[in-house]
Amino acid sequence: MPNYFSYFPKIYYDAVGAGNYKQVTHLLSRVQIKQGLKETGAFFDEYIVQAGETPEILAEKFYGSMNYYWVILIFNNIKDRYYDWPLSQYDLEQYINDKYTMI
């Protein structure tokens, strides 16, 4: 994710309240898709994510650069790429085993 945060706005923030403000990236800023754009359907193809594919792999495949992975995440309303994105079979089984115990 080398370029993703470079587009976020900068703010001055005092982490400890001592009056020592530093410029930081405003991580709570969100990008939104223009109202109605997703509903047109003319710009989009349906695609089923295959095992092992990441947003970076798909960005390279469809847009020619992995730097556009954020387009895939935003248009699919993925806020947490680790749990909103399909897990591998192994990771899914680990998650289920960790979350639910056998009686």
PDB file of N, CA and C in Angstrom:
ATOM      1  N   MET A   1       0.812  -1.184   0.000  1.00  0.00           N
ATOM      2  CA  MET A   1       0.000   0.000   0.000  1.00  0.00           C
ATOM      3  C   MET A   1       0.861   1.256   0.000  1.00  0.00           C
ATOM      4  N   PRO A   2       1.811   1.327  -0.888  1.00  0.00           N
ATOM      5  CA  PRO A   2       2.732   2.455  -0.840  1.00  0.00           C
ATOM      6  C   PRO A   2       2.113   3.807  -1.142  1.00  0.00           C
ATOM      7  N   ASN A   3       1.121   3.900  -2.015  1.00  0.00           N
ATOM      8  CA  ASN A   3       0.586   5.203  -2.415  1.00  0.00           C
ATOM      9  C   ASN A   3      -0.781   5.518  -1.824  1.00  0.00           C
ATOM     10  N   TYR A   4      -1.431   4.561  -1.239  1.00  0.00           N
ATOM     11  CA  TYR A   4      -2.808   4.732  -0.794  1.00  0.00           C
ATOM     12  C   TYR A   4      -2.969   5.923   0.143  1.00  0.00           C
ATOM     13  N   PHE A   5      -2.151   6.006   1.173  1.00  0.00           N
ATOM     14  CA  PHE A   5      -2.311   7.061   2.174  1.00  0.00           C
ATOM     15  C   PHE A   5      -1.802   8.424   1.696  1.00  0.00           C
ATOM     16  N   SER A   6      -1.073   8.456   0.603  1.00  0.00           N
ATOM     17  CA  SER A   6      -0.572   9.741   0.102  1.00  0.00           C
ATOM     18  C   SER A   6      -1.707  10.645  -0.364  1.00  0.00           C
ATOM     19  N   TYR A   7      -2.875  10.083  -0.660  1.00  0.00           N
ATOM     20  CA  TYR A   7      -4.019  10.867  -1.118  1.00  0.00           C
ATOM     21  C   TYR A   7      -4.905  11.350   0.029  1.00  0.00           C
ATOM     22  N   PHE A   8      -4.651  10.899   1.239  1.00  0.00           N
ATOM     23  CA  PHE A   8      -5.436  11.328   2.390  1.00  0.00           C
ATOM     24  C   PHE A   8      -5.009  12.732   2.802  1.00  0.00           C
ATOM     25  N   PRO A   9      -5.928  13.518   3.325  1.00  0.00           N
ATOM     26  CA  PRO A   9      -5.553  14.863   3.773  1.00  0.00           C
ATOM     27  C   PRO A   9      -4.647  14.806   5.007  1.00  0.00           C
ATOM     28  N   LYS A  10      -3.908  15.861   5.199  1.00  0.00           N
ATOM     29  CA  LYS A  10      -3.033  15.994   6.371  1.00  0.00           C
ATOM     30  C   LYS A  10      -3.708  16.905   7.390  1.00  0.00           C
ATOM     31  N   ILE A  11      -3.495  16.597   8.664  1.00  0.00           N
ATOM     32  CA  ILE A  11      -4.005  17.442   9.743  1.00  0.00           C
ATOM     33  C   ILE A  11      -2.897  17.622  10.772  1.00  0.00           C
ATOM     34  N   TYR A  12      -3.049  18.631  11.611  1.00  0.00           N
ATOM     35  CA  TYR A  12      -2.132  18.806  12.728  1.00  0.00           C
ATOM     36  C   TYR A  12      -2.766  18.185  13.958  1.00  0.00           C
ATOM     37  N   TYR A  13      -2.001  17.355  14.660  1.00  0.00           N
ATOM     38  CA  TYR A  13      -2.555  16.580  15.768  1.00  0.00           C
ATOM     39  C   TYR A  13      -1.587  16.576  16.936  1.00  0.00           C
ATOM     40  N   ASP A  14      -2.134  16.762  18.125  1.00  0.00           N
ATOM     41  CA  ASP A  14      -1.343  16.719  19.361  1.00  0.00           C
ATOM     42  C   ASP A  14      -1.722  15.433  20.093  1.00  0.00           C
ATOM     43  N   ALA A  15      -0.899  14.424  19.997  1.00  0.00           N
ATOM     44  CA  ALA A  15      -1.218  13.094  20.519  1.00  0.00           C
ATOM     45  C   ALA A  15      -1.333  13.050  22.042  1.00  0.00           C
ATOM     46  N   VAL A  16      -0.589  13.882  22.751  1.00  0.00           N
ATOM     47  CA  VAL A  16      -0.600  13.814  24.213  1.00  0.00           C
ATOM     48  C   VAL A  16      -1.201  15.051  24.879  1.00  0.00           C
ATOM     49  N   GLY A  17      -1.613  16.017  24.100  1.00  0.00           N
ATOM     50  CA  GLY A  17      -2.237  17.212  24.658  1.00  0.00           C
ATOM     51  C   GLY A  17      -1.265  18.190  25.278  1.00  0.00           C
ATOM     52  N   ALA A  18      -0.024  18.159  24.828  1.00  0.00           N
ATOM     53  CA  ALA A  18       0.999  19.034  25.397  1.00  0.00           C
ATOM     54  C   ALA A  18       1.249  20.275  24.538  1.00  0.00           C
ATOM     55  N   GLY A  19       0.421  20.493  23.533  1.00  0.00           N
ATOM     56  CA  GLY A  19       0.619  21.644  22.670  1.00  0.00           C
ATOM     57  C   GLY A  19       1.673  21.432  21.601  1.00  0.00           C
ATOM     58  N   ASN A  20       2.129  20.204  21.434  1.00  0.00           N
ATOM     59  CA  ASN A  20       3.154  19.867  20.443  1.00  0.00           C
ATOM     60  C   ASN A  20       2.466  19.214  19.233  1.00  0.00           C
ATOM     61  N   TYR A  21       2.003  20.037  18.298  1.00  0.00           N
ATOM     62  CA  TYR A  21       1.259  19.535  17.138  1.00  0.00           C
ATOM     63  C   TYR A  21       2.215  19.080  16.045  1.00  0.00           C
ATOM     64  N   LYS A  22       1.878  17.941  15.449  1.00  0.00           N
ATOM     65  CA  LYS A  22       2.651  17.413  14.322  1.00  0.00           C
ATOM     66  C   LYS A  22       1.695  17.134  13.179  1.00  0.00           C
ATOM     67  N   GLN A  23       2.209  17.280  11.982  1.00  0.00           N
ATOM     68  CA  GLN A  23       1.386  16.989  10.819  1.00  0.00           C
ATOM     69  C   GLN A  23       1.331  15.472  10.622  1.00  0.00           C
ATOM     70  N   VAL A  24       0.097  14.954  10.541  1.00  0.00           N
ATOM     71  CA  VAL A  24      -0.109  13.515  10.361  1.00  0.00           C
ATOM     72  C   VAL A  24      -1.164  13.298   9.274  1.00  0.00           C
ATOM     73  N   THR A  25      -1.221  12.079   8.781  1.00  0.00           N
ATOM     74  CA  THR A  25      -2.236  11.710   7.796  1.00  0.00           C
ATOM     75  C   THR A  25      -3.557  11.467   8.507  1.00  0.00           C
ATOM     76  N   HIS A  26      -4.619  12.055   7.990  1.00  0.00           N
ATOM     77  CA  HIS A  26      -5.953  11.897   8.581  1.00  0.00           C
ATOM     78  C   HIS A  26      -6.528  10.553   8.126  1.00  0.00           C
ATOM     79  N   LEU A  27      -6.324   9.515   8.938  1.00  0.00           N
ATOM     80  CA  LEU A  27      -6.701   8.152   8.578  1.00  0.00           C
ATOM     81  C   LEU A  27      -8.203   7.901   8.590  1.00  0.00           C
ATOM     82  N   LEU A  28      -8.969   8.759   9.228  1.00  0.00           N
ATOM     83  CA  LEU A  28     -10.408   8.543   9.311  1.00  0.00           C
ATOM     84  C   LEU A  28     -11.157   9.119   8.112  1.00  0.00           C
ATOM     85  N   SER A  29     -10.429   9.717   7.214  1.00  0.00           N
ATOM     86  CA  SER A  29     -11.023  10.264   6.001  1.00  0.00           C
ATOM     87  C   SER A  29     -11.456   9.103   5.104  1.00  0.00           C
ATOM     88  N   ARG A  30     -12.609   9.251   4.458  1.00  0.00           N
ATOM     89  CA  ARG A  30     -13.111   8.197   3.574  1.00  0.00           C
ATOM     90  C   ARG A  30     -13.377   8.760   2.187  1.00  0.00           C
ATOM     91  N   VAL A  31     -13.166   7.921   1.211  1.00  0.00           N
ATOM     92  CA  VAL A  31     -13.481   8.262  -0.163  1.00  0.00           C
ATOM     93  C   VAL A  31     -14.821   7.630  -0.482  1.00  0.00           C
ATOM     94  N   GLN A  32     -15.620   8.308  -1.268  1.00  0.00           N
ATOM     95  CA  GLN A  32     -16.944   7.800  -1.608  1.00  0.00           C
ATOM     96  C   GLN A  32     -17.116   7.792  -3.116  1.00  0.00           C
ATOM     97  N   ILE A  33     -17.845   6.812  -3.597  1.00  0.00           N
ATOM     98  CA  ILE A  33     -18.169   6.736  -5.008  1.00  0.00           C
ATOM     99  C   ILE A  33     -19.328   7.685  -5.289  1.00  0.00           C
ATOM    100  N   LYS A  34     -19.271   8.365  -6.421  1.00  0.00           N
ATOM    101  CA  LYS A  34     -20.326   9.301  -6.795  1.00  0.00           C
ATOM    102  C   LYS A  34     -21.678   8.596  -6.821  1.00  0.00           C
ATOM    103  N   GLN A  35     -22.683   9.252  -6.236  1.00  0.00           N
ATOM    104  CA  GLN A  35     -24.035   8.703  -6.140  1.00  0.00           C
ATOM    105  C   GLN A  35     -24.534   8.266  -7.513  1.00  0.00           C
ATOM    106  N   GLY A  36     -25.014   7.034  -7.611  1.00  0.00           N
ATOM    107  CA  GLY A  36     -25.594   6.520  -8.838  1.00  0.00           C
ATOM    108  C   GLY A  36     -24.606   5.875  -9.795  1.00  0.00           C
ATOM    109  N   LEU A  37     -23.307   6.071  -9.593  1.00  0.00           N
ATOM    110  CA  LEU A  37     -22.308   5.524 -10.507  1.00  0.00           C
ATOM    111  C   LEU A  37     -22.297   3.997 -10.488  1.00  0.00           C
ATOM    112  N   LYS A  38     -22.375   3.424  -9.311  1.00  0.00           N
ATOM    113  CA  LYS A  38     -22.350   1.962  -9.211  1.00  0.00           C
ATOM    114  C   LYS A  38     -23.586   1.327  -9.837  1.00  0.00           C
ATOM    115  N   GLU A  39     -24.698   2.030  -9.808  1.00  0.00           N
ATOM    116  CA  GLU A  39     -25.949   1.473 -10.310  1.00  0.00           C
ATOM    117  C   GLU A  39     -26.025   1.441 -11.841  1.00  0.00           C
ATOM    118  N   THR A  40     -25.194   2.213 -12.524  1.00  0.00           N
ATOM    119  CA  THR A  40     -25.270   2.254 -13.984  1.00  0.00           C
ATOM    120  C   THR A  40     -24.887   0.920 -14.604  1.00  0.00           C
ATOM    121  N   GLY A  41     -23.915   0.249 -14.041  1.00  0.00           N
ATOM    122  CA  GLY A  41     -23.512  -1.058 -14.531  1.00  0.00           C
ATOM    123  C   GLY A  41     -22.699  -1.032 -15.812  1.00  0.00           C
ATOM    124  N   ALA A  42     -22.680   0.078 -16.518  1.00  0.00           N
ATOM    125  CA  ALA A  42     -21.980   0.157 -17.796  1.00  0.00           C
ATOM    126  C   ALA A  42     -20.465   0.071 -17.634  1.00  0.00           C
ATOM    127  N   PHE A  43     -19.961   0.443 -16.479  1.00  0.00           N
ATOM    128  CA  PHE A  43     -18.518   0.483 -16.281  1.00  0.00           C
ATOM    129  C   PHE A  43     -17.960  -0.779 -15.622  1.00  0.00           C
ATOM    130  N   PHE A  44     -18.819  -1.714 -15.259  1.00  0.00           N
ATOM    131  CA  PHE A  44     -18.386  -2.796 -14.403  1.00  0.00           C
ATOM    132  C   PHE A  44     -18.653  -4.165 -15.003  1.00  0.00           C
ATOM    133  N   ASP A  45     -17.770  -5.087 -14.678  1.00  0.00           N
ATOM    134  CA  ASP A  45     -17.952  -6.488 -15.018  1.00  0.00           C
ATOM    135  C   ASP A  45     -18.061  -7.259 -13.723  1.00  0.00           C
ATOM    136  N   GLU A  46     -18.918  -8.258 -13.706  1.00  0.00           N
ATOM    137  CA  GLU A  46     -19.009  -9.114 -12.528  1.00  0.00           C
ATOM    138  C   GLU A  46     -17.845 -10.091 -12.567  1.00  0.00           C
ATOM    139  N   TYR A  47     -17.248 -10.316 -11.427  1.00  0.00           N
ATOM    140  CA  TYR A  47     -16.101 -11.208 -11.347  1.00  0.00           C
ATOM    141  C   TYR A  47     -16.156 -11.961 -10.031  1.00  0.00           C
ATOM    142  N   ILE A  48     -15.909 -13.252 -10.074  1.00  0.00           N
ATOM    143  CA  ILE A  48     -15.857 -14.069  -8.859  1.00  0.00           C
ATOM    144  C   ILE A  48     -14.394 -14.252  -8.483  1.00  0.00           C
ATOM    145  N   VAL A  49     -14.052 -13.821  -7.292  1.00  0.00           N
ATOM    146  CA  VAL A  49     -12.673 -13.899  -6.810  1.00  0.00           C
ATOM    147  C   VAL A  49     -12.283 -15.365  -6.654  1.00  0.00           C
ATOM    148  N   GLN A  50     -11.155 -15.712  -7.240  1.00  0.00           N
ATOM    149  CA  GLN A  50     -10.653 -17.073  -7.167  1.00  0.00           C
ATOM    150  C   GLN A  50      -9.731 -17.218  -5.950  1.00  0.00           C
ATOM    151  N   ALA A  51      -9.528 -18.460  -5.528  1.00  0.00           N
ATOM    152  CA  ALA A  51      -8.679 -18.745  -4.364  1.00  0.00           C
ATOM    153  C   ALA A  51      -7.292 -18.132  -4.563  1.00  0.00           C
ATOM    154  N   GLY A  52      -6.841 -17.427  -3.558  1.00  0.00           N
ATOM    155  CA  GLY A  52      -5.503 -16.857  -3.578  1.00  0.00           C
ATOM    156  C   GLY A  52      -5.402 -15.482  -4.221  1.00  0.00           C
ATOM    157  N   GLU A  53      -6.469 -15.007  -4.833  1.00  0.00           N
ATOM    158  CA  GLU A  53      -6.411 -13.692  -5.461  1.00  0.00           C
ATOM    159  C   GLU A  53      -6.574 -12.594  -4.417  1.00  0.00           C
ATOM    160  N   THR A  54      -5.767 -11.569  -4.549  1.00  0.00           N
ATOM    161  CA  THR A  54      -5.808 -10.423  -3.655  1.00  0.00           C
ATOM    162  C   THR A  54      -6.264  -9.206  -4.460  1.00  0.00           C
ATOM    163  N   PRO A  55      -6.618  -8.121  -3.786  1.00  0.00           N
ATOM    164  CA  PRO A  55      -6.972  -6.906  -4.533  1.00  0.00           C
ATOM    165  C   PRO A  55      -5.835  -6.444  -5.455  1.00  0.00           C
ATOM    166  N   GLU A  56      -4.599  -6.616  -5.007  1.00  0.00           N
ATOM    167  CA  GLU A  56      -3.449  -6.215  -5.819  1.00  0.00           C
ATOM    168  C   GLU A  56      -3.347  -7.047  -7.096  1.00  0.00           C
ATOM    169  N   ILE A  57      -3.575  -8.359  -6.972  1.00  0.00           N
ATOM    170  CA  ILE A  57      -3.524  -9.241  -8.143  1.00  0.00           C
ATOM    171  C   ILE A  57      -4.607  -8.852  -9.145  1.00  0.00           C
ATOM    172  N   LEU A  58      -5.811  -8.589  -8.653  1.00  0.00           N
ATOM    173  CA  LEU A  58      -6.907  -8.219  -9.551  1.00  0.00           C
ATOM    174  C   LEU A  58      -6.681  -6.852 -10.185  1.00  0.00           C
ATOM    175  N   ALA A  59      -6.107  -5.922  -9.426  1.00  0.00           N
ATOM    176  CA  ALA A  59      -5.809  -4.605  -9.992  1.00  0.00           C
ATOM    177  C   ALA A  59      -4.801  -4.734 -11.129  1.00  0.00           C
ATOM    178  N   GLU A  60      -3.804  -5.551 -10.943  1.00  0.00           N
ATOM    179  CA  GLU A  60      -2.814  -5.794 -11.999  1.00  0.00           C
ATOM    180  C   GLU A  60      -3.484  -6.427 -13.220  1.00  0.00           C
ATOM    181  N   LYS A  61      -4.355  -7.383 -12.962  1.00  0.00           N
ATOM    182  CA  LYS A  61      -5.048  -8.112 -14.034  1.00  0.00           C
ATOM    183  C   LYS A  61      -5.987  -7.198 -14.837  1.00  0.00           C
ATOM    184  N   PHE A  62      -6.761  -6.362 -14.161  1.00  0.00           N
ATOM    185  CA  PHE A  62      -7.770  -5.553 -14.831  1.00  0.00           C
ATOM    186  C   PHE A  62      -7.309  -4.147 -15.201  1.00  0.00           C
ATOM    187  N   TYR A  63      -6.405  -3.562 -14.406  1.00  0.00           N
ATOM    188  CA  TYR A  63      -6.007  -2.179 -14.633  1.00  0.00           C
ATOM    189  C   TYR A  63      -4.543  -2.019 -15.042  1.00  0.00           C
ATOM    190  N   GLY A  64      -3.804  -3.121 -15.041  1.00  0.00           N
ATOM    191  CA  GLY A  64      -2.411  -3.058 -15.469  1.00  0.00           C
ATOM    192  C   GLY A  64      -1.438  -2.573 -14.421  1.00  0.00           C
ATOM    193  N   SER A  65      -1.908  -2.336 -13.211  1.00  0.00           N
ATOM    194  CA  SER A  65      -1.030  -1.897 -12.126  1.00  0.00           C
ATOM    195  C   SER A  65      -1.650  -2.282 -10.784  1.00  0.00           C
ATOM    196  N   MET A  66      -0.841  -2.857  -9.929  1.00  0.00           N
ATOM    197  CA  MET A  66      -1.350  -3.219  -8.604  1.00  0.00           C
ATOM    198  C   MET A  66      -1.640  -1.990  -7.751  1.00  0.00           C
ATOM    199  N   ASN A  67      -1.153  -0.829  -8.166  1.00  0.00           N
ATOM    200  CA  ASN A  67      -1.392   0.404  -7.422  1.00  0.00           C
ATOM    201  C   ASN A  67      -2.856   0.808  -7.388  1.00  0.00           C
ATOM    202  N   TYR A  68      -3.686   0.203  -8.237  1.00  0.00           N
ATOM    203  CA  TYR A  68      -5.105   0.540  -8.282  1.00  0.00           C
ATOM    204  C   TYR A  68      -5.976  -0.426  -7.476  1.00  0.00           C
ATOM    205  N   TYR A  69      -5.375  -1.166  -6.552  1.00  0.00           N
ATOM    206  CA  TYR A  69      -6.127  -2.105  -5.717  1.00  0.00           C
ATOM    207  C   TYR A  69      -7.248  -1.386  -4.954  1.00  0.00           C
ATOM    208  N   TRP A  70      -7.021  -0.130  -4.606  1.00  0.00           N
ATOM    209  CA  TRP A  70      -8.003   0.628  -3.828  1.00  0.00           C
ATOM    210  C   TRP A  70      -9.300   0.834  -4.606  1.00  0.00           C
ATOM    211  N   VAL A  71      -9.247   0.863  -5.934  1.00  0.00           N
ATOM    212  CA  VAL A  71     -10.458   1.002  -6.744  1.00  0.00           C
ATOM    213  C   VAL A  71     -11.359  -0.214  -6.514  1.00  0.00           C
ATOM    214  N   ILE A  72     -10.764  -1.378  -6.506  1.00  0.00           N
ATOM    215  CA  ILE A  72     -11.520  -2.615  -6.274  1.00  0.00           C
ATOM    216  C   ILE A  72     -12.131  -2.610  -4.884  1.00  0.00           C
ATOM    217  N   LEU A  73     -11.360  -2.194  -3.895  1.00  0.00           N
ATOM    218  CA  LEU A  73     -11.866  -2.168  -2.523  1.00  0.00           C
ATOM    219  C   LEU A  73     -13.013  -1.172  -2.372  1.00  0.00           C
ATOM    220  N   ILE A  74     -12.860   0.020  -2.906  1.00  0.00           N
ATOM    221  CA  ILE A  74     -13.888   1.052  -2.755  1.00  0.00           C
ATOM    222  C   ILE A  74     -15.175   0.670  -3.478  1.00  0.00           C
ATOM    223  N   PHE A  75     -15.068   0.205  -4.720  1.00  0.00           N
ATOM    224  CA  PHE A  75     -16.275  -0.115  -5.486  1.00  0.00           C
ATOM    225  C   PHE A  75     -17.011  -1.323  -4.928  1.00  0.00           C
ATOM    226  N   ASN A  76     -16.332  -2.127  -4.139  1.00  0.00           N
ATOM    227  CA  ASN A  76     -16.978  -3.288  -3.527  1.00  0.00           C
ATOM    228  C   ASN A  76     -17.290  -3.060  -2.055  1.00  0.00           C
ATOM    229  N   ASN A  77     -17.163  -1.798  -1.622  1.00  0.00           N
ATOM    230  CA  ASN A  77     -17.488  -1.399  -0.249  1.00  0.00           C
ATOM    231  C   ASN A  77     -16.737  -2.233   0.795  1.00  0.00           C
ATOM    232  N   ILE A  78     -15.471  -2.471   0.522  1.00  0.00           N
ATOM    233  CA  ILE A  78     -14.640  -3.253   1.439  1.00  0.00           C
ATOM    234  C   ILE A  78     -13.871  -2.283   2.322  1.00  0.00           C
ATOM    235  N   LYS A  79     -14.194  -2.316   3.596  1.00  0.00           N
ATOM    236  CA  LYS A  79     -13.544  -1.421   4.561  1.00  0.00           C
ATOM    237  C   LYS A  79     -12.386  -2.107   5.273  1.00  0.00           C
ATOM    238  N   ASP A  80     -12.486  -3.399   5.475  1.00  0.00           N
ATOM    239  CA  ASP A  80     -11.429  -4.178   6.127  1.00  0.00           C
ATOM    240  C   ASP A  80     -10.995  -5.266   5.157  1.00  0.00           C
ATOM    241  N   ARG A  81      -9.876  -5.043   4.511  1.00  0.00           N
ATOM    242  CA  ARG A  81      -9.446  -5.962   3.464  1.00  0.00           C
ATOM    243  C   ARG A  81      -9.109  -7.352   3.979  1.00  0.00           C
ATOM    244  N   TYR A  82      -8.931  -7.501   5.266  1.00  0.00           N
ATOM    245  CA  TYR A  82      -8.577  -8.815   5.804  1.00  0.00           C
ATOM    246  C   TYR A  82      -9.797  -9.650   6.162  1.00  0.00           C
ATOM    247  N   TYR A  83     -10.926  -9.033   6.452  1.00  0.00           N
ATOM    248  CA  TYR A  83     -12.118  -9.802   6.815  1.00  0.00           C
ATOM    249  C   TYR A  83     -13.300  -9.559   5.885  1.00  0.00           C
ATOM    250  N   ASP A  84     -13.295  -8.484   5.106  1.00  0.00           N
ATOM    251  CA  ASP A  84     -14.337  -8.273   4.105  1.00  0.00           C
ATOM    252  C   ASP A  84     -13.984  -8.970   2.789  1.00  0.00           C
ATOM    253  N   TRP A  85     -12.703  -9.215   2.567  1.00  0.00           N
ATOM    254  CA  TRP A  85     -12.232  -9.906   1.368  1.00  0.00           C
ATOM    255  C   TRP A  85     -12.334 -11.413   1.619  1.00  0.00           C
ATOM    256  N   PRO A  86     -12.632 -12.210   0.591  1.00  0.00           N
ATOM    257  CA  PRO A  86     -12.729 -13.665   0.804  1.00  0.00           C
ATOM    258  C   PRO A  86     -11.438 -14.245   1.383  1.00  0.00           C
ATOM    259  N   LEU A  87     -11.597 -15.035   2.433  1.00  0.00           N
ATOM    260  CA  LEU A  87     -10.457 -15.690   3.059  1.00  0.00           C
ATOM    261  C   LEU A  87     -10.086 -16.938   2.271  1.00  0.00           C
ATOM    262  N   SER A  88      -8.814 -17.337   2.357  1.00  0.00           N
ATOM    263  CA  SER A  88      -8.406 -18.614   1.767  1.00  0.00           C
ATOM    264  C   SER A  88      -9.065 -19.734   2.570  1.00  0.00           C
ATOM    265  N   GLN A  89      -9.097 -20.925   2.022  1.00  0.00           N
ATOM    266  CA  GLN A  89      -9.707 -22.062   2.716  1.00  0.00           C
ATOM    267  C   GLN A  89      -9.036 -22.279   4.071  1.00  0.00           C
ATOM    268  N   TYR A  90      -7.715 -22.215   4.096  1.00  0.00           N
ATOM    269  CA  TYR A  90      -6.975 -22.411   5.342  1.00  0.00           C
ATOM    270  C   TYR A  90      -7.318 -21.324   6.360  1.00  0.00           C
ATOM    271  N   ASP A  91      -7.299 -20.054   5.926  1.00  0.00           N
ATOM    272  CA  ASP A  91      -7.599 -18.942   6.836  1.00  0.00           C
ATOM    273  C   ASP A  91      -9.040 -18.997   7.346  1.00  0.00           C
ATOM    274  N   LEU A  92      -9.957 -19.410   6.487  1.00  0.00           N
ATOM    275  CA  LEU A  92     -11.351 -19.548   6.904  1.00  0.00           C
ATOM    276  C   LEU A  92     -11.489 -20.629   7.970  1.00  0.00           C
ATOM    277  N   GLU A  93     -10.842 -21.760   7.762  1.00  0.00           N
ATOM    278  CA  GLU A  93     -10.899 -22.836   8.758  1.00  0.00           C
ATOM    279  C   GLU A  93     -10.267 -22.407  10.076  1.00  0.00           C
ATOM    280  N   GLN A  94      -9.153 -21.689  10.006  1.00  0.00           N
ATOM    281  CA  GLN A  94      -8.500 -21.172  11.220  1.00  0.00           C
ATOM    282  C   GLN A  94      -9.424 -20.217  11.962  1.00  0.00           C
ATOM    283  N   TYR A  95     -10.065 -19.327  11.206  1.00  0.00           N
ATOM    284  CA  TYR A  95     -10.977 -18.348  11.792  1.00  0.00           C
ATOM    285  C   TYR A  95     -12.138 -19.057  12.489  1.00  0.00           C
ATOM    286  N   ILE A  96     -12.720 -20.036  11.832  1.00  0.00           N
ATOM    287  CA  ILE A  96     -13.847 -20.794  12.410  1.00  0.00           C
ATOM    288  C   ILE A  96     -13.402 -21.539  13.651  1.00  0.00           C
ATOM    289  N   ASN A  97     -12.253 -22.196  13.581  1.00  0.00           N
ATOM    290  CA  ASN A  97     -11.752 -22.944  14.740  1.00  0.00           C
ATOM    291  C   ASN A  97     -11.433 -22.046  15.915  1.00  0.00           C
ATOM    292  N   ASP A  98     -10.908 -20.856  15.640  1.00  0.00           N
ATOM    293  CA  ASP A  98     -10.600 -19.917  16.718  1.00  0.00           C
ATOM    294  C   ASP A  98     -11.866 -19.306  17.320  1.00  0.00           C
ATOM    295  N   LYS A  99     -12.868 -19.075  16.482  1.00  0.00           N
ATOM    296  CA  LYS A  99     -14.083 -18.411  16.938  1.00  0.00           C
ATOM    297  C   LYS A  99     -15.044 -19.347  17.659  1.00  0.00           C
ATOM    298  N   TYR A 100     -15.161 -20.574  17.185  1.00  0.00           N
ATOM    299  CA  TYR A 100     -16.142 -21.517  17.731  1.00  0.00           C
ATOM    300  C   TYR A 100     -15.432 -22.724  18.318  1.00  0.00           C
ATOM    301  N   THR A 101     -15.848 -23.094  19.496  1.00  0.00           N
ATOM    302  CA  THR A 101     -15.257 -24.262  20.143  1.00  0.00           C
ATOM    303  C   THR A 101     -16.173 -25.465  20.012  1.00  0.00           C
ATOM    304  N   MET A 102     -15.586 -26.618  19.981  1.00  0.00           N
ATOM    305  CA  MET A 102     -16.363 -27.858  19.901  1.00  0.00           C
ATOM    306  C   MET A 102     -16.849 -28.212  21.299  1.00  0.00           C
ATOM    307  N   ILE A 103     -18.067 -28.728  21.380  1.00  0.00           N
ATOM    308  CA  ILE A 103     -18.644 -29.120  22.675  1.00  0.00           C
ATOM    309  C   ILE A 103     -18.465 -30.602  22.877  1.00  0.00           C
TER     310      ILE A 103
END
